[in-house]
Amino acid sequence: LISRKMGKSVWEFRTEVAGVVGKVNLTIEGLLE
């Protein structure tokens, strides 16, 4: 979907997905703090 809508390559969309997961982890850490 990201590739089709945004014209991003495979490595770029994998980076986007990893970024979302990473932000979730940061959010949990912040919540606990």
Full PDB file with SEQRES, HELIX, SHEET, SSBOND, CRYST1, ORIGX, SCALE, CONECT and MASTER records, all heavy atoms in Angstrom:
SEQRES   1 A   33  LEU ILE SER ARG LYS MET GLY LYS SER VAL TRP GLU PHE          
SEQRES   2 A   33  ARG THR GLU VAL ALA GLY VAL VAL GLY LYS VAL ASN LEU          
SEQRES   3 A   33  THR ILE GLU GLY LEU LEU GLU                                  
HELIX    1 AA1 ILE A    2  MET A    6  1                                   5    
HELIX    2 AA2 VAL A   10  LEU A   32  1                                  23    
CRYST1    1.000    1.000    1.000  90.00  90.00  90.00 P 1           1          
ORIGX1      1.000000  0.000000  0.000000        0.00000                         
ORIGX2      0.000000  1.000000  0.000000        0.00000                         
ORIGX3      0.000000  0.000000  1.000000        0.00000                         
SCALE1      1.000000  0.000000  0.000000        0.00000                         
SCALE2      0.000000  1.000000  0.000000        0.00000                         
SCALE3      0.000000  0.000000  1.000000        0.00000                         
ATOM      1  N   LEU A   1       0.828  -1.198   0.000  1.00  0.00           N  
ATOM      2  CA  LEU A   1       0.000   0.000   0.000  1.00  0.00           C  
ATOM      3  C   LEU A   1       0.870   1.258   0.000  1.00  0.00           C  
ATOM      4  O   LEU A   1       0.630   2.188  -0.774  1.00  0.00           O  
ATOM      5  CB  LEU A   1      -0.923   0.001   1.222  1.00  0.00           C  
ATOM      6  CG  LEU A   1      -1.863   1.180   1.365  1.00  0.00           C  
ATOM      7  CD1 LEU A   1      -2.844   1.237   0.197  1.00  0.00           C  
ATOM      8  CD2 LEU A   1      -2.608   1.091   2.684  1.00  0.00           C  
ATOM      9  N   ILE A   2       1.886   1.278   0.856  1.00  0.00           N  
ATOM     10  CA  ILE A   2       2.796   2.426   0.908  1.00  0.00           C  
ATOM     11  C   ILE A   2       3.504   2.603  -0.434  1.00  0.00           C  
ATOM     12  O   ILE A   2       3.619   3.718  -0.948  1.00  0.00           O  
ATOM     13  CB  ILE A   2       3.818   2.264   2.054  1.00  0.00           C  
ATOM     14  CG1 ILE A   2       3.112   2.393   3.415  1.00  0.00           C  
ATOM     15  CG2 ILE A   2       4.947   3.297   1.945  1.00  0.00           C  
ATOM     16  CD1 ILE A   2       3.973   1.977   4.598  1.00  0.00           C  
ATOM     17  N   SER A   3       3.950   1.491  -1.013  1.00  0.00           N  
ATOM     18  CA  SER A   3       4.632   1.568  -2.313  1.00  0.00           C  
ATOM     19  C   SER A   3       3.706   2.122  -3.386  1.00  0.00           C  
ATOM     20  O   SER A   3       4.093   2.989  -4.173  1.00  0.00           O  
ATOM     21  CB  SER A   3       5.126   0.189  -2.744  1.00  0.00           C  
ATOM     22  OG  SER A   3       6.198  -0.208  -1.965  1.00  0.00           O  
ATOM     23  N   ARG A   4       2.484   1.610  -3.418  1.00  0.00           N  
ATOM     24  CA  ARG A   4       1.530   2.025  -4.447  1.00  0.00           C  
ATOM     25  C   ARG A   4       1.126   3.493  -4.262  1.00  0.00           C  
ATOM     26  O   ARG A   4       1.087   4.260  -5.216  1.00  0.00           O  
ATOM     27  CB  ARG A   4       0.300   1.126  -4.417  1.00  0.00           C  
ATOM     28  CG  ARG A   4      -0.644   1.359  -5.574  1.00  0.00           C  
ATOM     29  CD  ARG A   4      -1.756   0.315  -5.660  1.00  0.00           C  
ATOM     30  NE  ARG A   4      -2.616   0.344  -4.488  1.00  0.00           N  
ATOM     31  CZ  ARG A   4      -2.800  -0.683  -3.648  1.00  0.00           C  
ATOM     32  NH1 ARG A   4      -2.183  -1.828  -3.859  1.00  0.00           N  
ATOM     33  NH2 ARG A   4      -3.596  -0.582  -2.617  1.00  0.00           N  
ATOM     34  N   LYS A   5       0.837   3.884  -3.039  1.00  0.00           N  
ATOM     35  CA  LYS A   5       0.339   5.235  -2.795  1.00  0.00           C  
ATOM     36  C   LYS A   5       1.438   6.288  -2.744  1.00  0.00           C  
ATOM     37  O   LYS A   5       1.219   7.439  -3.116  1.00  0.00           O  
ATOM     38  CB  LYS A   5      -0.459   5.287  -1.482  1.00  0.00           C  
ATOM     39  CG  LYS A   5      -1.702   4.439  -1.486  1.00  0.00           C  
ATOM     40  CD  LYS A   5      -2.739   5.011  -2.410  1.00  0.00           C  
ATOM     41  CE  LYS A   5      -4.023   4.193  -2.345  1.00  0.00           C  
ATOM     42  NZ  LYS A   5      -5.017   4.708  -3.268  1.00  0.00           N  
ATOM     43  N   MET A   6       2.609   5.894  -2.242  1.00  0.00           N  
ATOM     44  CA  MET A   6       3.673   6.869  -2.029  1.00  0.00           C  
ATOM     45  C   MET A   6       4.858   6.686  -2.974  1.00  0.00           C  
ATOM     46  O   MET A   6       5.779   7.497  -2.969  1.00  0.00           O  
ATOM     47  CB  MET A   6       4.179   6.788  -0.586  1.00  0.00           C  
ATOM     48  CG  MET A   6       3.081   6.944   0.461  1.00  0.00           C  
ATOM     49  SD  MET A   6       2.235   8.536   0.386  1.00  0.00           S  
ATOM     50  CE  MET A   6       3.508   9.622   0.948  1.00  0.00           C  
ATOM     51  N   GLY A   7       4.862   5.580  -3.734  1.00  0.00           N  
ATOM     52  CA  GLY A   7       5.964   5.335  -4.660  1.00  0.00           C  
ATOM     53  C   GLY A   7       7.267   4.970  -3.983  1.00  0.00           C  
ATOM     54  O   GLY A   7       8.341   5.208  -4.514  1.00  0.00           O  
ATOM     55  N   LYS A   8       7.173   4.377  -2.797  1.00  0.00           N  
ATOM     56  CA  LYS A   8       8.382   4.021  -2.055  1.00  0.00           C  
ATOM     57  C   LYS A   8       8.837   2.613  -2.401  1.00  0.00           C  
ATOM     58  O   LYS A   8       8.046   1.755  -2.755  1.00  0.00           O  
ATOM     59  CB  LYS A   8       8.133   4.146  -0.553  1.00  0.00           C  
ATOM     60  CG  LYS A   8       7.895   5.578  -0.132  1.00  0.00           C  
ATOM     61  CD  LYS A   8       7.899   5.731   1.349  1.00  0.00           C  
ATOM     62  CE  LYS A   8       7.774   7.215   1.689  1.00  0.00           C  
ATOM     63  NZ  LYS A   8       8.004   7.460   3.088  1.00  0.00           N  
ATOM     64  N   SER A   9      10.137   2.400  -2.253  1.00  0.00           N  
ATOM     65  CA  SER A   9      10.717   1.086  -2.532  1.00  0.00           C  
ATOM     66  C   SER A   9      10.512   0.158  -1.335  1.00  0.00           C  
ATOM     67  O   SER A   9      10.062   0.577  -0.262  1.00  0.00           O  
ATOM     68  CB  SER A   9      12.211   1.237  -2.813  1.00  0.00           C  
ATOM     69  OG  SER A   9      12.864   1.684  -1.638  1.00  0.00           O  
ATOM     70  N   VAL A  10      10.894  -1.108  -1.517  1.00  0.00           N  
ATOM     71  CA  VAL A  10      10.730  -2.110  -0.461  1.00  0.00           C  
ATOM     72  C   VAL A  10      11.488  -1.700   0.793  1.00  0.00           C  
ATOM     73  O   VAL A  10      10.943  -1.749   1.896  1.00  0.00           O  
ATOM     74  CB  VAL A  10      11.197  -3.499  -0.956  1.00  0.00           C  
ATOM     75  CG1 VAL A  10      11.229  -4.498   0.180  1.00  0.00           C  
ATOM     76  CG2 VAL A  10      10.287  -3.993  -2.074  1.00  0.00           C  
ATOM     77  N   TRP A  11      12.736  -1.300   0.661  1.00  0.00           N  
ATOM     78  CA  TRP A  11      13.501  -0.952   1.869  1.00  0.00           C  
ATOM     79  C   TRP A  11      12.897   0.256   2.566  1.00  0.00           C  
ATOM     80  O   TRP A  11      12.915   0.352   3.782  1.00  0.00           O  
ATOM     81  CB  TRP A  11      14.983  -0.750   1.557  1.00  0.00           C  
ATOM     82  CG  TRP A  11      15.305   0.513   0.812  1.00  0.00           C  
ATOM     83  CD1 TRP A  11      15.417   0.666  -0.539  1.00  0.00           C  
ATOM     84  CD2 TRP A  11      15.556   1.804   1.384  1.00  0.00           C  
ATOM     85  NE1 TRP A  11      15.712   1.973  -0.852  1.00  0.00           N  
ATOM     86  CE2 TRP A  11      15.810   2.698   0.310  1.00  0.00           C  
ATOM     87  CE3 TRP A  11      15.590   2.293   2.680  1.00  0.00           C  
ATOM     88  CZ2 TRP A  11      16.088   4.043   0.507  1.00  0.00           C  
ATOM     89  CZ3 TRP A  11      15.878   3.642   2.868  1.00  0.00           C  
ATOM     90  CH2 TRP A  11      16.124   4.494   1.790  1.00  0.00           C  
ATOM     91  N   GLU A  12      12.318   1.179   1.790  1.00  0.00           N  
ATOM     92  CA  GLU A  12      11.696   2.352   2.404  1.00  0.00           C  
ATOM     93  C   GLU A  12      10.441   1.977   3.190  1.00  0.00           C  
ATOM     94  O   GLU A  12      10.241   2.454   4.301  1.00  0.00           O  
ATOM     95  CB  GLU A  12      11.335   3.390   1.338  1.00  0.00           C  
ATOM     96  CG  GLU A  12      12.524   4.142   0.792  1.00  0.00           C  
ATOM     97  CD  GLU A  12      12.140   5.096  -0.316  1.00  0.00           C  
ATOM     98  OE1 GLU A  12      11.494   4.661  -1.295  1.00  0.00           O  
ATOM     99  OE2 GLU A  12      12.475   6.290  -0.189  1.00  0.00           O  
ATOM    100  N   PHE A  13       9.601   1.091   2.620  1.00  0.00           N  
ATOM    101  CA  PHE A  13       8.392   0.750   3.354  1.00  0.00           C  
ATOM    102  C   PHE A  13       8.716  -0.102   4.570  1.00  0.00           C  
ATOM    103  O   PHE A  13       8.057  -0.005   5.607  1.00  0.00           O  
ATOM    104  CB  PHE A  13       7.298   0.149   2.471  1.00  0.00           C  
ATOM    105  CG  PHE A  13       7.398  -1.309   2.128  1.00  0.00           C  
ATOM    106  CD1 PHE A  13       7.226  -2.297   3.094  1.00  0.00           C  
ATOM    107  CD2 PHE A  13       7.590  -1.706   0.816  1.00  0.00           C  
ATOM    108  CE1 PHE A  13       7.271  -3.646   2.761  1.00  0.00           C  
ATOM    109  CE2 PHE A  13       7.630  -3.052   0.477  1.00  0.00           C  
ATOM    110  CZ  PHE A  13       7.476  -4.024   1.457  1.00  0.00           C  
ATOM    111  N   ARG A  14       9.734  -0.930   4.486  1.00  0.00           N  
ATOM    112  CA  ARG A  14      10.132  -1.698   5.679  1.00  0.00           C  
ATOM    113  C   ARG A  14      10.617  -0.756   6.789  1.00  0.00           C  
ATOM    114  O   ARG A  14      10.362  -0.982   7.958  1.00  0.00           O  
ATOM    115  CB  ARG A  14      11.191  -2.725   5.321  1.00  0.00           C  
ATOM    116  CG  ARG A  14      10.657  -3.849   4.459  1.00  0.00           C  
ATOM    117  CD  ARG A  14      11.570  -5.050   4.432  1.00  0.00           C  
ATOM    118  NE  ARG A  14      11.184  -6.008   3.433  1.00  0.00           N  
ATOM    119  CZ  ARG A  14      10.164  -6.852   3.540  1.00  0.00           C  
ATOM    120  NH1 ARG A  14       9.412  -6.840   4.608  1.00  0.00           N  
ATOM    121  NH2 ARG A  14       9.891  -7.705   2.565  1.00  0.00           N  
ATOM    122  N   THR A  15      11.303   0.295   6.394  1.00  0.00           N  
ATOM    123  CA  THR A  15      11.750   1.304   7.354  1.00  0.00           C  
ATOM    124  C   THR A  15      10.546   2.012   7.980  1.00  0.00           C  
ATOM    125  O   THR A  15      10.523   2.275   9.189  1.00  0.00           O  
ATOM    126  CB  THR A  15      12.679   2.328   6.666  1.00  0.00           C  
ATOM    127  OG1 THR A  15      13.801   1.626   6.121  1.00  0.00           O  
ATOM    128  CG2 THR A  15      13.163   3.387   7.629  1.00  0.00           C  
ATOM    129  N   GLU A  16       9.532   2.303   7.158  1.00  0.00           N  
ATOM    130  CA  GLU A  16       8.313   2.947   7.666  1.00  0.00           C  
ATOM    131  C   GLU A  16       7.627   2.055   8.704  1.00  0.00           C  
ATOM    132  O   GLU A  16       7.225   2.524   9.769  1.00  0.00           O  
ATOM    133  CB  GLU A  16       7.333   3.218   6.518  1.00  0.00           C  
ATOM    134  CG  GLU A  16       7.817   4.207   5.506  1.00  0.00           C  
ATOM    135  CD  GLU A  16       7.533   5.642   5.889  1.00  0.00           C  
ATOM    136  OE1 GLU A  16       6.703   5.876   6.784  1.00  0.00           O  
ATOM    137  OE2 GLU A  16       8.151   6.530   5.283  1.00  0.00           O  
ATOM    138  N   VAL A  17       7.481   0.777   8.390  1.00  0.00           N  
ATOM    139  CA  VAL A  17       6.830  -0.161   9.305  1.00  0.00           C  
ATOM    140  C   VAL A  17       7.640  -0.281  10.592  1.00  0.00           C  
ATOM    141  O   VAL A  17       7.086  -0.228  11.700  1.00  0.00           O  
ATOM    142  CB  VAL A  17       6.629  -1.535   8.635  1.00  0.00           C  
ATOM    143  CG1 VAL A  17       6.167  -2.579   9.632  1.00  0.00           C  
ATOM    144  CG2 VAL A  17       5.621  -1.414   7.490  1.00  0.00           C  
ATOM    145  N   ALA A  18       8.947  -0.428  10.474  1.00  0.00           N  
ATOM    146  CA  ALA A  18       9.803  -0.524  11.661  1.00  0.00           C  
ATOM    147  C   ALA A  18       9.702   0.754  12.499  1.00  0.00           C  
ATOM    148  O   ALA A  18       9.723   0.700  13.738  1.00  0.00           O  
ATOM    149  CB  ALA A  18      11.254  -0.777  11.250  1.00  0.00           C  
ATOM    150  N   GLY A  19       9.555   1.883  11.835  1.00  0.00           N  
ATOM    151  CA  GLY A  19       9.407   3.146  12.548  1.00  0.00           C  
ATOM    152  C   GLY A  19       8.133   3.206  13.370  1.00  0.00           C  
ATOM    153  O   GLY A  19       8.140   3.691  14.504  1.00  0.00           O  
ATOM    154  N   VAL A  20       7.043   2.695  12.822  1.00  0.00           N  
ATOM    155  CA  VAL A  20       5.777   2.671  13.567  1.00  0.00           C  
ATOM    156  C   VAL A  20       5.919   1.787  14.801  1.00  0.00           C  
ATOM    157  O   VAL A  20       5.532   2.180  15.906  1.00  0.00           O  
ATOM    158  CB  VAL A  20       4.609   2.185  12.676  1.00  0.00           C  
ATOM    159  CG1 VAL A  20       3.365   1.919  13.507  1.00  0.00           C  
ATOM    160  CG2 VAL A  20       4.320   3.201  11.589  1.00  0.00           C  
ATOM    161  N   VAL A  21       6.488   0.600  14.622  1.00  0.00           N  
ATOM    162  CA  VAL A  21       6.677  -0.316  15.753  1.00  0.00           C  
ATOM    163  C   VAL A  21       7.602   0.330  16.793  1.00  0.00           C  
ATOM    164  O   VAL A  21       7.333   0.261  17.995  1.00  0.00           O  
ATOM    165  CB  VAL A  21       7.220  -1.674  15.268  1.00  0.00           C  
ATOM    166  CG1 VAL A  21       7.597  -2.562  16.443  1.00  0.00           C  
ATOM    167  CG2 VAL A  21       6.176  -2.362  14.383  1.00  0.00           C  
ATOM    168  N   GLY A  22       8.651   0.974  16.343  1.00  0.00           N  
ATOM    169  CA  GLY A  22       9.560   1.652  17.265  1.00  0.00           C  
ATOM    170  C   GLY A  22       8.876   2.769  18.035  1.00  0.00           C  
ATOM    171  O   GLY A  22       9.118   2.954  19.233  1.00  0.00           O  
ATOM    172  N   LYS A  23       7.987   3.503  17.371  1.00  0.00           N  
ATOM    173  CA  LYS A  23       7.261   4.584  18.045  1.00  0.00           C  
ATOM    174  C   LYS A  23       6.318   4.023  19.107  1.00  0.00           C  
ATOM    175  O   LYS A  23       6.129   4.646  20.153  1.00  0.00           O  
ATOM    176  CB  LYS A  23       6.503   5.426  17.029  1.00  0.00           C  
ATOM    177  CG  LYS A  23       7.427   6.304  16.219  1.00  0.00           C  
ATOM    178  CD  LYS A  23       6.690   7.067  15.146  1.00  0.00           C  
ATOM    179  CE  LYS A  23       7.698   7.804  14.274  1.00  0.00           C  
ATOM    180  NZ  LYS A  23       7.082   8.482  13.159  1.00  0.00           N  
ATOM    181  N   VAL A  24       5.747   2.857  18.841  1.00  0.00           N  
ATOM    182  CA  VAL A  24       4.897   2.226  19.851  1.00  0.00           C  
ATOM    183  C   VAL A  24       5.736   1.917  21.089  1.00  0.00           C  
ATOM    184  O   VAL A  24       5.328   2.199  22.222  1.00  0.00           O  
ATOM    185  CB  VAL A  24       4.224   0.945  19.308  1.00  0.00           C  
ATOM    186  CG1 VAL A  24       3.576   0.145  20.428  1.00  0.00           C  
ATOM    187  CG2 VAL A  24       3.199   1.291  18.239  1.00  0.00           C  
ATOM    188  N   ASN A  25       6.913   1.364  20.882  1.00  0.00           N  
ATOM    189  CA  ASN A  25       7.785   1.042  22.014  1.00  0.00           C  
ATOM    190  C   ASN A  25       8.185   2.293  22.783  1.00  0.00           C  
ATOM    191  O   ASN A  25       8.205   2.294  24.022  1.00  0.00           O  
ATOM    192  CB  ASN A  25       9.025   0.278  21.544  1.00  0.00           C  
ATOM    193  CG  ASN A  25       8.675  -1.093  21.014  1.00  0.00           C  
ATOM    194  OD1 ASN A  25       7.707  -1.713  21.446  1.00  0.00           O  
ATOM    195  ND2 ASN A  25       9.450  -1.581  20.074  1.00  0.00           N  
ATOM    196  N   LEU A  26       8.492   3.373  22.078  1.00  0.00           N  
ATOM    197  CA  LEU A  26       8.826   4.636  22.743  1.00  0.00           C  
ATOM    198  C   LEU A  26       7.634   5.189  23.524  1.00  0.00           C  
ATOM    199  O   LEU A  26       7.793   5.742  24.613  1.00  0.00           O  
ATOM    200  CB  LEU A  26       9.295   5.670  21.722  1.00  0.00           C  
ATOM    201  CG  LEU A  26      10.676   5.446  21.125  1.00  0.00           C  
ATOM    202  CD1 LEU A  26      10.946   6.464  20.018  1.00  0.00           C  
ATOM    203  CD2 LEU A  26      11.742   5.541  22.199  1.00  0.00           C  
ATOM    204  N   THR A  27       6.451   5.030  22.968  1.00  0.00           N  
ATOM    205  CA  THR A  27       5.245   5.490  23.644  1.00  0.00           C  
ATOM    206  C   THR A  27       5.036   4.732  24.951  1.00  0.00           C  
ATOM    207  O   THR A  27       4.700   5.326  25.982  1.00  0.00           O  
ATOM    208  CB  THR A  27       4.023   5.323  22.729  1.00  0.00           C  
ATOM    209  OG1 THR A  27       4.216   6.129  21.560  1.00  0.00           O  
ATOM    210  CG2 THR A  27       2.735   5.733  23.419  1.00  0.00           C  
ATOM    211  N   ILE A  28       5.251   3.420  24.912  1.00  0.00           N  
ATOM    212  CA  ILE A  28       5.106   2.612  26.127  1.00  0.00           C  
ATOM    213  C   ILE A  28       6.138   3.053  27.170  1.00  0.00           C  
ATOM    214  O   ILE A  28       5.800   3.223  28.348  1.00  0.00           O  
ATOM    215  CB  ILE A  28       5.231   1.109  25.806  1.00  0.00           C  
ATOM    216  CG1 ILE A  28       4.017   0.650  24.999  1.00  0.00           C  
ATOM    217  CG2 ILE A  28       5.388   0.291  27.083  1.00  0.00           C  
ATOM    218  CD1 ILE A  28       4.136  -0.749  24.427  1.00  0.00           C  
ATOM    219  N   GLU A  29       7.377   3.248  26.745  1.00  0.00           N  
ATOM    220  CA  GLU A  29       8.415   3.697  27.676  1.00  0.00           C  
ATOM    221  C   GLU A  29       8.041   5.042  28.306  1.00  0.00           C  
ATOM    222  O   GLU A  29       8.182   5.241  29.511  1.00  0.00           O  
ATOM    223  CB  GLU A  29       9.758   3.817  26.957  1.00  0.00           C  
ATOM    224  CG  GLU A  29      10.384   2.490  26.595  1.00  0.00           C  
ATOM    225  CD  GLU A  29      11.637   2.653  25.756  1.00  0.00           C  
ATOM    226  OE1 GLU A  29      12.246   3.757  25.767  1.00  0.00           O  
ATOM    227  OE2 GLU A  29      12.018   1.684  25.088  1.00  0.00           O  
ATOM    228  N   GLY A  30       7.552   5.961  27.483  1.00  0.00           N  
ATOM    229  CA  GLY A  30       7.150   7.264  27.990  1.00  0.00           C  
ATOM    230  C   GLY A  30       5.986   7.168  28.957  1.00  0.00           C  
ATOM    231  O   GLY A  30       5.950   7.859  29.983  1.00  0.00           O  
ATOM    232  N   LEU A  31       5.051   6.301  28.637  1.00  0.00           N  
ATOM    233  CA  LEU A  31       3.903   6.092  29.526  1.00  0.00           C  
ATOM    234  C   LEU A  31       4.364   5.594  30.887  1.00  0.00           C  
ATOM    235  O   LEU A  31       3.910   6.087  31.928  1.00  0.00           O  
ATOM    236  CB  LEU A  31       2.935   5.094  28.890  1.00  0.00           C  
ATOM    237  CG  LEU A  31       1.714   4.689  29.709  1.00  0.00           C  
ATOM    238  CD1 LEU A  31       0.818   5.890  29.962  1.00  0.00           C  
ATOM    239  CD2 LEU A  31       0.956   3.585  29.004  1.00  0.00           C  
ATOM    240  N   LEU A  32       5.276   4.648  30.884  1.00  0.00           N  
ATOM    241  CA  LEU A  32       5.780   4.105  32.150  1.00  0.00           C  
ATOM    242  C   LEU A  32       6.556   5.163  32.935  1.00  0.00           C  
ATOM    243  O   LEU A  32       6.430   5.245  34.160  1.00  0.00           O  
ATOM    244  CB  LEU A  32       6.635   2.872  31.900  1.00  0.00           C  
ATOM    245  CG  LEU A  32       5.869   1.650  31.371  1.00  0.00           C  
ATOM    246  CD1 LEU A  32       6.832   0.540  30.996  1.00  0.00           C  
ATOM    247  CD2 LEU A  32       4.844   1.171  32.391  1.00  0.00           C  
ATOM    248  N   GLU A  33       7.337   5.976  32.239  1.00  0.00           N  
ATOM    249  CA  GLU A  33       8.069   7.051  32.914  1.00  0.00           C  
ATOM    250  C   GLU A  33       7.109   8.059  33.538  1.00  0.00           C  
ATOM    251  O   GLU A  33       7.312   8.491  34.677  1.00  0.00           O  
ATOM    252  CB  GLU A  33       9.007   7.758  31.936  1.00  0.00           C  
ATOM    253  CG  GLU A  33      10.211   6.930  31.558  1.00  0.00           C  
ATOM    254  CD  GLU A  33      11.054   7.586  30.478  1.00  0.00           C  
ATOM    255  OE1 GLU A  33      10.809   8.772  30.141  1.00  0.00           O  
ATOM    256  OE2 GLU A  33      11.961   6.919  29.967  1.00  0.00           O  
TER     257      GLU A  33                                                      
MASTER        0    0    0    2    0    0    0    6  256    1    0    3          
END                                                                             
